Amino acid sequence: MVQEKWDETNLPNLNGRHILITGANSGIGRSAAVALARAGASLTLAVRDLAKGEAVASTLGDGVRVRHLDLANLASIRAFAQEMTEPISVLIANAGVMAIPLRRTADGFEMQIGTNHLGHFALTNLLLPQIDDRIVVVSSEVHRQGHIDLDDLNWERRRYRRWSAYAQSKLANLLFVEELERRFREQGSSLRAVAVHPGYSDTNLQHSTGSVMFSAIAGIGNRFIAQSERMGALPTLYGASMDVAGGTYIGPNGLLNLRGHPKIGAAAKKAHDSRIAQELWEISAGLTGIA
């Protein structure tokens, strides 16, 4: 049971814990990094823009390192994993893109499924031998509108719809957690996978869609409805530090799950479809070449 107004001041002492965060140079990832560093964790900030990552790290004191990672490029993911030789307590799969025009990764994947799901799928599997506690995957309530097209995951035959592609990628995040948990239990592993979502938070993500109209609408929403980056990071912090069961889904406790302090919630029923989760895993392994 999450206490009613849990926040970063309730973080336990994280001395001796090494936490890897993707996309930690801005938004939810940056806010989470600040709080985790204050709680004593050592951090690796995995970022695409090293200058921005270094700027964040410079404010966090000792025990923070910055490494380049492009989740839209399997070669970059493999190189990153080869360089990460130290143990990892928690991997926070936070980086992502939202509702962008049709673009493709270096390996030909649709950019949203490629970055949000396939990139983290590859990274997690490559780093699993070094992780000793948990994986925290950042999803979204938009997963409820998502549909996994196993025959056209990369939008090669369907007419591309940016929001449908985003929703598919966020549902894929949850199905990844579902299948990770099944495999952990099957193998008797002590590892766990946890899913979180930030609600509606005021971050730079809403202004990176390439749509002037959506940016204008988001600007209004951010001003009157959205919660702060700090509040949006609380579910991630809770999922990364507290004693929660694998498969837990954590998000804000306010109206429509849009804002508020963390609570343990329930993802859509389709996020627990074990057949789809297993098929998505096999397709993802085939596309990335990482089993």
C-alpha atoms as a PDB file:
ATOM      1  CA  MET A   1       0.000   0.000   0.000  1.00  0.00           C
ATOM      2  CA  VAL A   2       1.549   3.307  -1.077  1.00  0.00           C
ATOM      3  CA  GLN A   3       1.293   6.031   1.552  1.00  0.00           C
ATOM      4  CA  GLU A   4      -1.068   8.801   0.504  1.00  0.00           C
ATOM      5  CA  LYS A   5       1.494  11.489  -0.297  1.00  0.00           C
ATOM      6  CA  TRP A   6       4.708   9.573  -0.982  1.00  0.00           C
ATOM      7  CA  ASP A   7       7.396  11.758  -2.569  1.00  0.00           C
ATOM      8  CA  GLU A   8      11.162  11.901  -3.029  1.00  0.00           C
ATOM      9  CA  THR A   9      11.667  12.749   0.651  1.00  0.00           C
ATOM     10  CA  ASN A  10      10.514   9.191   1.420  1.00  0.00           C
ATOM     11  CA  LEU A  11      13.248   7.576  -0.667  1.00  0.00           C
ATOM     12  CA  PRO A  12      15.349   5.122   1.351  1.00  0.00           C
ATOM     13  CA  ASN A  13      19.098   5.551   1.656  1.00  0.00           C
ATOM     14  CA  LEU A  14      20.474   4.384  -1.702  1.00  0.00           C
ATOM     15  CA  ASN A  15      24.176   4.330  -0.862  1.00  0.00           C
ATOM     16  CA  GLY A  16      25.795   1.384  -2.629  1.00  0.00           C
ATOM     17  CA  ARG A  17      23.092   1.224  -5.294  1.00  0.00           C
ATOM     18  CA  HIS A  18      24.047   1.772  -8.942  1.00  0.00           C
ATOM     19  CA  ILE A  19      21.151   2.949 -11.100  1.00  0.00           C
ATOM     20  CA  LEU A  20      21.212   3.283 -14.885  1.00  0.00           C
ATOM     21  CA  ILE A  21      18.697   5.707 -16.410  1.00  0.00           C
ATOM     22  CA  THR A  22      18.104   6.098 -20.145  1.00  0.00           C
ATOM     23  CA  GLY A  23      17.113   9.545 -21.390  1.00  0.00           C
ATOM     24  CA  ALA A  24      18.255  11.241 -18.186  1.00  0.00           C
ATOM     25  CA  ASN A  25      19.249  14.565 -19.742  1.00  0.00           C
ATOM     26  CA  SER A  26      15.718  16.029 -19.623  1.00  0.00           C
ATOM     27  CA  GLY A  27      12.172  15.596 -18.369  1.00  0.00           C
ATOM     28  CA  ILE A  28      11.192  12.731 -16.092  1.00  0.00           C
ATOM     29  CA  GLY A  29      14.613  11.098 -16.391  1.00  0.00           C
ATOM     30  CA  ARG A  30      16.436  14.224 -15.256  1.00  0.00           C
ATOM     31  CA  SER A  31      14.109  14.764 -12.287  1.00  0.00           C
ATOM     32  CA  ALA A  32      14.486  11.130 -11.257  1.00  0.00           C
ATOM     33  CA  ALA A  33      18.279  11.385 -11.506  1.00  0.00           C
ATOM     34  CA  VAL A  34      18.361  14.442  -9.254  1.00  0.00           C
ATOM     35  CA  ALA A  35      16.299  12.719  -6.550  1.00  0.00           C
ATOM     36  CA  LEU A  36      18.216   9.419  -6.759  1.00  0.00           C
ATOM     37  CA  ALA A  37      21.578  11.163  -6.513  1.00  0.00           C
ATOM     38  CA  ARG A  38      20.406  13.072  -3.437  1.00  0.00           C
ATOM     39  CA  ALA A  39      19.394   9.750  -1.881  1.00  0.00           C
ATOM     40  CA  GLY A  40      22.954   8.479  -2.322  1.00  0.00           C
ATOM     41  CA  ALA A  41      22.746   6.317  -5.442  1.00  0.00           C
ATOM     42  CA  SER A  42      25.569   6.205  -7.950  1.00  0.00           C
ATOM     43  CA  LEU A  43      24.202   6.855 -11.426  1.00  0.00           C
ATOM     44  CA  THR A  44      24.922   6.197 -15.050  1.00  0.00           C
ATOM     45  CA  LEU A  45      23.084   8.613 -17.319  1.00  0.00           C
ATOM     46  CA  ALA A  46      22.614   6.951 -20.706  1.00  0.00           C
ATOM     47  CA  VAL A  47      21.938   9.778 -23.147  1.00  0.00           C
ATOM     48  CA  ARG A  48      21.996  10.535 -26.844  1.00  0.00           C
ATOM     49  CA  ASP A  49      23.237  14.109 -26.307  1.00  0.00           C
ATOM     50  CA  LEU A  50      26.429  13.938 -24.246  1.00  0.00           C
ATOM     51  CA  ALA A  51      26.654  17.720 -23.732  1.00  0.00           C
ATOM     52  CA  LYS A  52      23.189  17.831 -22.179  1.00  0.00           C
ATOM     53  CA  GLY A  53      23.941  14.757 -20.113  1.00  0.00           C
ATOM     54  CA  GLU A  54      27.157  16.271 -18.801  1.00  0.00           C
ATOM     55  CA  ALA A  55      25.284  19.464 -17.910  1.00  0.00           C
ATOM     56  CA  VAL A  56      22.877  17.454 -15.759  1.00  0.00           C
ATOM     57  CA  ALA A  57      25.685  15.399 -14.214  1.00  0.00           C
ATOM     58  CA  SER A  58      27.601  18.544 -13.253  1.00  0.00           C
ATOM     59  CA  THR A  59      24.783  19.466 -10.860  1.00  0.00           C
ATOM     60  CA  LEU A  60      24.656  16.069  -9.149  1.00  0.00           C
ATOM     61  CA  GLY A  61      28.090  15.767  -7.562  1.00  0.00           C
ATOM     62  CA  ASP A  62      30.364  12.733  -7.492  1.00  0.00           C
ATOM     63  CA  GLY A  63      29.201   9.259  -8.374  1.00  0.00           C
ATOM     64  CA  VAL A  64      27.502  10.212 -11.641  1.00  0.00           C
ATOM     65  CA  ARG A  65      28.830   9.213 -15.033  1.00  0.00           C
ATOM     66  CA  VAL A  66      27.499   9.976 -18.500  1.00  0.00           C
ATOM     67  CA  ARG A  67      27.640   7.569 -21.426  1.00  0.00           C
ATOM     68  CA  HIS A  68      26.400   7.845 -24.975  1.00  0.00           C
ATOM     69  CA  LEU A  69      23.451   5.682 -25.974  1.00  0.00           C
ATOM     70  CA  ASP A  70      21.246   5.940 -29.057  1.00  0.00           C
ATOM     71  CA  LEU A  71      18.292   3.599 -28.590  1.00  0.00           C
ATOM     72  CA  ALA A  72      17.437   4.026 -32.271  1.00  0.00           C
ATOM     73  CA  ASN A  73      20.652   2.285 -33.285  1.00  0.00           C
ATOM     74  CA  LEU A  74      21.409  -1.346 -32.384  1.00  0.00           C
ATOM     75  CA  ALA A  75      25.131  -0.817 -32.946  1.00  0.00           C
ATOM     76  CA  SER A  76      25.093   1.962 -30.337  1.00  0.00           C
ATOM     77  CA  ILE A  77      23.176  -0.262 -27.909  1.00  0.00           C
ATOM     78  CA  ARG A  78      25.664  -3.113 -28.343  1.00  0.00           C
ATOM     79  CA  ALA A  79      28.634  -0.786 -27.897  1.00  0.00           C
ATOM     80  CA  PHE A  80      27.085   0.706 -24.760  1.00  0.00           C
ATOM     81  CA  ALA A  81      26.419  -2.731 -23.273  1.00  0.00           C
ATOM     82  CA  GLN A  82      29.979  -3.860 -23.952  1.00  0.00           C
ATOM     83  CA  GLU A  83      31.338  -0.833 -22.078  1.00  0.00           C
ATOM     84  CA  MET A  84      29.014  -1.331 -19.078  1.00  0.00           C
ATOM     85  CA  THR A  85      31.043  -3.832 -17.081  1.00  0.00           C
ATOM     86  CA  GLU A  86      29.996  -2.809 -13.561  1.00  0.00           C
ATOM     87  CA  PRO A  87      27.020  -4.288 -11.657  1.00  0.00           C
ATOM     88  CA  ILE A  88      23.674  -2.507 -11.984  1.00  0.00           C
ATOM     89  CA  SER A  89      21.097  -2.494  -9.207  1.00  0.00           C
ATOM     90  CA  VAL A  90      18.283  -0.914 -11.227  1.00  0.00           C
ATOM     91  CA  LEU A  91      17.802  -0.241 -14.925  1.00  0.00           C
ATOM     92  CA  ILE A  92      15.255   2.514 -15.570  1.00  0.00           C
ATOM     93  CA  ALA A  93      14.026   2.304 -19.180  1.00  0.00           C
ATOM     94  CA  ASN A  94      12.840   5.891 -19.406  1.00  0.00           C
ATOM     95  CA  ALA A  95      13.880   7.370 -22.762  1.00  0.00           C
ATOM     96  CA  GLY A  96      11.277   7.669 -25.476  1.00  0.00           C
ATOM     97  CA  VAL A  97       9.718   9.612 -28.322  1.00  0.00           C
ATOM     98  CA  MET A  98       6.053  10.520 -28.704  1.00  0.00           C
ATOM     99  CA  ALA A  99       3.685  10.947 -31.655  1.00  0.00           C
ATOM    100  CA  ILE A 100       6.330  11.952 -34.176  1.00  0.00           C
ATOM    101  CA  PRO A 101       5.975  11.888 -37.985  1.00  0.00           C
ATOM    102  CA  LEU A 102       6.973   8.647 -39.687  1.00  0.00           C
ATOM    103  CA  ARG A 103      10.697   8.126 -39.285  1.00  0.00           C
ATOM    104  CA  ARG A 104      12.850   5.027 -39.125  1.00  0.00           C
ATOM    105  CA  THR A 105      15.738   4.000 -36.926  1.00  0.00           C
ATOM    106  CA  ALA A 106      19.207   3.165 -38.201  1.00  0.00           C
ATOM    107  CA  ASP A 107      18.028  -0.451 -38.456  1.00  0.00           C
ATOM    108  CA  GLY A 108      14.816   0.344 -40.344  1.00  0.00           C
ATOM    109  CA  PHE A 109      12.350   0.105 -37.449  1.00  0.00           C
ATOM    110  CA  GLU A 110       9.497   2.590 -37.119  1.00  0.00           C
ATOM    111  CA  MET A 111      10.998   5.154 -34.759  1.00  0.00           C
ATOM    112  CA  GLN A 112       8.496   4.919 -31.891  1.00  0.00           C
ATOM    113  CA  ILE A 113       8.380   1.133 -31.578  1.00  0.00           C
ATOM    114  CA  GLY A 114      12.104   1.079 -32.372  1.00  0.00           C
ATOM    115  CA  THR A 115      13.097   3.507 -29.617  1.00  0.00           C
ATOM    116  CA  ASN A 116      10.449   2.989 -26.960  1.00  0.00           C
ATOM    117  CA  HIS A 117      10.275  -0.794 -27.134  1.00  0.00           C
ATOM    118  CA  LEU A 118      12.866  -2.505 -29.344  1.00  0.00           C
ATOM    119  CA  GLY A 119      15.737  -0.340 -28.141  1.00  0.00           C
ATOM    120  CA  HIS A 120      14.968  -1.026 -24.500  1.00  0.00           C
ATOM    121  CA  PHE A 121      14.277  -4.693 -25.262  1.00  0.00           C
ATOM    122  CA  ALA A 122      17.773  -5.022 -26.711  1.00  0.00           C
ATOM    123  CA  LEU A 123      19.453  -3.009 -23.965  1.00  0.00           C
ATOM    124  CA  THR A 124      17.736  -4.890 -21.146  1.00  0.00           C
ATOM    125  CA  ASN A 125      18.573  -8.318 -22.517  1.00  0.00           C
ATOM    126  CA  LEU A 126      22.211  -7.400 -23.094  1.00  0.00           C
ATOM    127  CA  LEU A 127      22.579  -6.023 -19.564  1.00  0.00           C
ATOM    128  CA  LEU A 128      20.540  -8.669 -17.704  1.00  0.00           C
ATOM    129  CA  PRO A 129      23.609 -10.597 -16.440  1.00  0.00           C
ATOM    130  CA  GLN A 130      24.747  -7.433 -14.625  1.00  0.00           C
ATOM    131  CA  ILE A 131      21.390  -6.439 -13.079  1.00  0.00           C
ATOM    132  CA  ASP A 132      20.843  -7.681  -9.533  1.00  0.00           C
ATOM    133  CA  ASP A 133      17.512  -6.135  -8.506  1.00  0.00           C
ATOM    134  CA  ARG A 134      14.990  -4.822 -11.038  1.00  0.00           C
ATOM    135  CA  ILE A 135      14.043  -3.225 -14.336  1.00  0.00           C
ATOM    136  CA  VAL A 136      11.677  -0.245 -14.255  1.00  0.00           C
ATOM    137  CA  VAL A 137       9.931   0.440 -17.576  1.00  0.00           C
ATOM    138  CA  VAL A 138       8.240   3.802 -18.155  1.00  0.00           C
ATOM    139  CA  SER A 139       4.992   3.378 -20.069  1.00  0.00           C
ATOM    140  CA  SER A 140       1.929   5.628 -20.448  1.00  0.00           C
ATOM    141  CA  GLU A 141      -1.813   5.561 -19.869  1.00  0.00           C
ATOM    142  CA  VAL A 142      -2.042   5.918 -23.663  1.00  0.00           C
ATOM    143  CA  HIS A 143      -1.326   2.165 -23.728  1.00  0.00           C
ATOM    144  CA  ARG A 144      -5.083   1.734 -23.212  1.00  0.00           C
ATOM    145  CA  GLN A 145      -5.626   2.903 -26.803  1.00  0.00           C
ATOM    146  CA  GLY A 146      -2.835   0.683 -28.107  1.00  0.00           C
ATOM    147  CA  HIS A 147      -3.019  -2.363 -30.361  1.00  0.00           C
ATOM    148  CA  ILE A 148      -0.103  -4.671 -31.172  1.00  0.00           C
ATOM    149  CA  ASP A 149      -0.028  -5.594 -34.856  1.00  0.00           C
ATOM    150  CA  LEU A 150       2.261  -8.605 -34.814  1.00  0.00           C
ATOM    151  CA  ASP A 151       2.187  -8.792 -38.618  1.00  0.00           C
ATOM    152  CA  ASP A 152       3.181  -5.162 -39.151  1.00  0.00           C
ATOM    153  CA  LEU A 153       4.915  -3.965 -36.002  1.00  0.00           C
ATOM    154  CA  ASN A 154       6.991  -1.457 -37.974  1.00  0.00           C
ATOM    155  CA  TRP A 155       4.193   0.170 -39.983  1.00  0.00           C
ATOM    156  CA  GLU A 156       5.438  -1.043 -43.350  1.00  0.00           C
ATOM    157  CA  ARG A 157       2.004  -1.946 -44.746  1.00  0.00           C
ATOM    158  CA  ARG A 158      -0.452   0.049 -42.651  1.00  0.00           C
ATOM    159  CA  ARG A 159      -1.174   3.723 -43.123  1.00  0.00           C
ATOM    160  CA  TYR A 160       0.959   5.407 -40.499  1.00  0.00           C
ATOM    161  CA  ARG A 161      -0.828   7.131 -37.621  1.00  0.00           C
ATOM    162  CA  ARG A 162       1.511   8.796 -35.173  1.00  0.00           C
ATOM    163  CA  TRP A 163      -0.688   8.451 -32.080  1.00  0.00           C
ATOM    164  CA  SER A 164      -1.584   4.846 -32.856  1.00  0.00           C
ATOM    165  CA  ALA A 165       2.130   4.112 -33.247  1.00  0.00           C
ATOM    166  CA  TYR A 166       2.863   5.753 -29.902  1.00  0.00           C
ATOM    167  CA  ALA A 167       0.071   3.825 -28.174  1.00  0.00           C
ATOM    168  CA  GLN A 168       1.360   0.569 -29.694  1.00  0.00           C
ATOM    169  CA  SER A 169       4.849   1.262 -28.344  1.00  0.00           C
ATOM    170  CA  LYS A 170       3.558   2.016 -24.843  1.00  0.00           C
ATOM    171  CA  LEU A 171       1.450  -1.160 -24.814  1.00  0.00           C
ATOM    172  CA  ALA A 172       4.554  -3.016 -25.980  1.00  0.00           C
ATOM    173  CA  ASN A 173       6.395  -1.665 -22.915  1.00  0.00           C
ATOM    174  CA  LEU A 174       3.843  -3.314 -20.632  1.00  0.00           C
ATOM    175  CA  LEU A 175       3.802  -6.589 -22.546  1.00  0.00           C
ATOM    176  CA  PHE A 176       7.602  -6.614 -22.259  1.00  0.00           C
ATOM    177  CA  VAL A 177       7.266  -6.325 -18.472  1.00  0.00           C
ATOM    178  CA  GLU A 178       4.648  -9.099 -18.512  1.00  0.00           C
ATOM    179  CA  GLU A 179       6.917 -11.491 -20.403  1.00  0.00           C
ATOM    180  CA  LEU A 180      10.029 -10.533 -18.422  1.00  0.00           C
ATOM    181  CA  GLU A 181       8.159 -11.360 -15.227  1.00  0.00           C
ATOM    182  CA  ARG A 182       6.968 -14.704 -16.611  1.00  0.00           C
ATOM    183  CA  ARG A 183      10.526 -15.643 -17.545  1.00  0.00           C
ATOM    184  CA  PHE A 184      11.921 -14.536 -14.185  1.00  0.00           C
ATOM    185  CA  ARG A 185       9.375 -16.676 -12.343  1.00  0.00           C
ATOM    186  CA  GLU A 186       9.947 -19.636 -14.652  1.00  0.00           C
ATOM    187  CA  GLN A 187      13.689 -19.494 -14.040  1.00  0.00           C
ATOM    188  CA  GLY A 188      13.415 -18.884 -10.291  1.00  0.00           C
ATOM    189  CA  SER A 189      15.171 -15.528 -10.671  1.00  0.00           C
ATOM    190  CA  SER A 190      15.135 -12.923  -7.906  1.00  0.00           C
ATOM    191  CA  LEU A 191      14.951 -10.144 -10.501  1.00  0.00           C
ATOM    192  CA  ARG A 192      11.710  -8.262 -11.061  1.00  0.00           C
ATOM    193  CA  ALA A 193      10.246  -5.976 -13.700  1.00  0.00           C
ATOM    194  CA  VAL A 194       8.029  -3.047 -12.751  1.00  0.00           C
ATOM    195  CA  ALA A 195       5.983  -0.685 -14.949  1.00  0.00           C
ATOM    196  CA  VAL A 196       5.313   2.980 -14.198  1.00  0.00           C
ATOM    197  CA  HIS A 197       3.671   5.934 -15.893  1.00  0.00           C
ATOM    198  CA  PRO A 198       4.027   9.669 -15.174  1.00  0.00           C
ATOM    199  CA  GLY A 199       0.445  10.774 -15.819  1.00  0.00           C
ATOM    200  CA  TYR A 200       0.216  14.068 -17.661  1.00  0.00           C
ATOM    201  CA  SER A 201       3.443  15.872 -16.877  1.00  0.00           C
ATOM    202  CA  ASP A 202       4.910  19.087 -18.231  1.00  0.00           C
ATOM    203  CA  THR A 203       7.992  17.904 -20.118  1.00  0.00           C
ATOM    204  CA  ASN A 204       9.707  18.611 -23.422  1.00  0.00           C
ATOM    205  CA  LEU A 205       8.159  15.436 -24.870  1.00  0.00           C
ATOM    206  CA  GLN A 206       4.961  17.224 -25.861  1.00  0.00           C
ATOM    207  CA  HIS A 207       6.914  19.706 -27.953  1.00  0.00           C
ATOM    208  CA  SER A 208       8.941  17.162 -29.932  1.00  0.00           C
ATOM    209  CA  THR A 209       6.115  15.760 -32.054  1.00  0.00           C
ATOM    210  CA  GLY A 210       6.808  17.990 -35.049  1.00  0.00           C
ATOM    211  CA  SER A 211       3.196  19.213 -34.960  1.00  0.00           C
ATOM    212  CA  VAL A 212       2.746  22.955 -34.420  1.00  0.00           C
ATOM    213  CA  MET A 213      -0.939  22.430 -33.609  1.00  0.00           C
ATOM    214  CA  PHE A 214      -0.266  19.787 -30.991  1.00  0.00           C
ATOM    215  CA  SER A 215       2.515  21.877 -29.436  1.00  0.00           C
ATOM    216  CA  ALA A 216       0.068  24.777 -29.076  1.00  0.00           C
ATOM    217  CA  ILE A 217      -2.582  22.543 -27.499  1.00  0.00           C
ATOM    218  CA  ALA A 218       0.013  20.926 -25.250  1.00  0.00           C
ATOM    219  CA  GLY A 219       1.202  24.355 -24.156  1.00  0.00           C
ATOM    220  CA  ILE A 220      -2.265  25.151 -22.871  1.00  0.00           C
ATOM    221  CA  GLY A 221      -2.639  21.732 -21.263  1.00  0.00           C
ATOM    222  CA  ASN A 222       0.773  21.963 -19.649  1.00  0.00           C
ATOM    223  CA  ARG A 223      -0.162  25.301 -18.119  1.00  0.00           C
ATOM    224  CA  PHE A 224      -3.559  24.383 -16.703  1.00  0.00           C
ATOM    225  CA  ILE A 225      -3.682  20.577 -16.314  1.00  0.00           C
ATOM    226  CA  ALA A 226      -0.229  19.022 -16.283  1.00  0.00           C
ATOM    227  CA  GLN A 227       1.783  18.364 -13.173  1.00  0.00           C
ATOM    228  CA  SER A 228       5.470  19.200 -12.855  1.00  0.00           C
ATOM    229  CA  GLU A 229       8.365  17.041 -14.012  1.00  0.00           C
ATOM    230  CA  ARG A 230       9.163  16.457 -10.350  1.00  0.00           C
ATOM    231  CA  MET A 231       5.708  15.025  -9.662  1.00  0.00           C
ATOM    232  CA  GLY A 232       5.781  13.030 -12.900  1.00  0.00           C
ATOM    233  CA  ALA A 233       9.016  11.373 -11.780  1.00  0.00           C
ATOM    234  CA  LEU A 234       7.564  10.097  -8.486  1.00  0.00           C
ATOM    235  CA  PRO A 235       6.121   6.828  -9.877  1.00  0.00           C
ATOM    236  CA  THR A 236       9.538   6.061 -11.383  1.00  0.00           C
ATOM    237  CA  LEU A 237      11.250   6.788  -8.072  1.00  0.00           C
ATOM    238  CA  TYR A 238       8.783   4.634  -6.179  1.00  0.00           C
ATOM    239  CA  GLY A 239       9.118   1.756  -8.624  1.00  0.00           C
ATOM    240  CA  ALA A 240      12.912   1.959  -8.513  1.00  0.00           C
ATOM    241  CA  SER A 241      13.330   2.067  -4.741  1.00  0.00           C
ATOM    242  CA  MET A 242      10.414   0.538  -2.836  1.00  0.00           C
ATOM    243  CA  ASP A 243       9.576  -3.091  -2.108  1.00  0.00           C
ATOM    244  CA  VAL A 244       6.974  -3.752  -4.810  1.00  0.00           C
ATOM    245  CA  ALA A 245       6.142  -6.999  -6.516  1.00  0.00           C
ATOM    246  CA  GLY A 246       7.240  -7.707 -10.055  1.00  0.00           C
ATOM    247  CA  GLY A 247       4.600  -6.740 -12.589  1.00  0.00           C
ATOM    248  CA  THR A 248       3.328  -3.852 -10.463  1.00  0.00           C
ATOM    249  CA  TYR A 249       1.946  -0.835 -12.374  1.00  0.00           C
ATOM    250  CA  ILE A 250       2.475   2.510 -10.622  1.00  0.00           C
ATOM    251  CA  GLY A 251       1.136   5.939 -11.566  1.00  0.00           C
ATOM    252  CA  PRO A 252      -0.414   9.110 -10.137  1.00  0.00           C
ATOM    253  CA  ASN A 253      -3.335   8.778  -7.719  1.00  0.00           C
ATOM    254  CA  GLY A 254      -5.365  11.773  -8.937  1.00  0.00           C
ATOM    255  CA  LEU A 255      -8.336  12.192 -11.266  1.00  0.00           C
ATOM    256  CA  LEU A 256      -8.081   9.978 -14.370  1.00  0.00           C
ATOM    257  CA  ASN A 257      -4.563   8.998 -13.237  1.00  0.00           C
ATOM    258  CA  LEU A 258      -3.288  12.247 -14.753  1.00  0.00           C
ATOM    259  CA  ARG A 259      -1.613  13.795 -11.722  1.00  0.00           C
ATOM    260  CA  GLY A 260      -0.887  13.253  -8.079  1.00  0.00           C
ATOM    261  CA  HIS A 261       1.299  11.160  -5.804  1.00  0.00           C
ATOM    262  CA  PRO A 262       2.165   7.535  -6.678  1.00  0.00           C
ATOM    263  CA  LYS A 263      -0.297   4.698  -6.285  1.00  0.00           C
ATOM    264  CA  ILE A 264      -0.322   1.067  -7.353  1.00  0.00           C
ATOM    265  CA  GLY A 265      -2.835   0.841 -10.169  1.00  0.00           C
ATOM    266  CA  ALA A 266      -3.979  -1.554 -12.855  1.00  0.00           C
ATOM    267  CA  ALA A 267      -2.960  -1.592 -16.500  1.00  0.00           C
ATOM    268  CA  ALA A 268      -5.448  -2.513 -19.225  1.00  0.00           C
ATOM    269  CA  LYS A 269      -6.343  -6.195 -19.470  1.00  0.00           C
ATOM    270  CA  LYS A 270      -4.610  -6.441 -22.859  1.00  0.00           C
ATOM    271  CA  ALA A 271      -1.318  -5.522 -21.182  1.00  0.00           C
ATOM    272  CA  HIS A 272      -1.471  -8.939 -19.481  1.00  0.00           C
ATOM    273  CA  ASP A 273      -2.189 -11.013 -22.597  1.00  0.00           C
ATOM    274  CA  SER A 274       0.448 -13.719 -22.141  1.00  0.00           C
ATOM    275  CA  ARG A 275       0.114 -15.052 -25.689  1.00  0.00           C
ATOM    276  CA  ILE A 276       0.665 -11.648 -27.282  1.00  0.00           C
ATOM    277  CA  ALA A 277       3.476 -10.922 -24.813  1.00  0.00           C
ATOM    278  CA  GLN A 278       5.311 -14.102 -25.773  1.00  0.00           C
ATOM    279  CA  GLU A 279       4.806 -13.551 -29.511  1.00  0.00           C
ATOM    280  CA  LEU A 280       5.952  -9.937 -29.224  1.00  0.00           C
ATOM    281  CA  TRP A 281       9.072 -11.144 -27.383  1.00  0.00           C
ATOM    282  CA  GLU A 282       9.938 -13.605 -30.153  1.00  0.00           C
ATOM    283  CA  ILE A 283       9.379 -10.999 -32.871  1.00  0.00           C
ATOM    284  CA  SER A 284      11.466  -8.471 -30.931  1.00  0.00           C
ATOM    285  CA  ALA A 285      14.270 -11.015 -30.510  1.00  0.00           C
ATOM    286  CA  GLY A 286      14.204 -11.727 -34.229  1.00  0.00           C
ATOM    287  CA  LEU A 287      14.226  -8.067 -35.242  1.00  0.00           C
ATOM    288  CA  THR A 288      17.047  -7.102 -32.872  1.00  0.00           C
ATOM    289  CA  GLY A 289      19.026 -10.328 -33.151  1.00  0.00           C
ATOM    290  CA  ILE A 290      19.135 -10.458 -29.345  1.00  0.00           C
ATOM    291  CA  ALA A 291      17.573 -13.451 -27.586  1.00  0.00           C
END
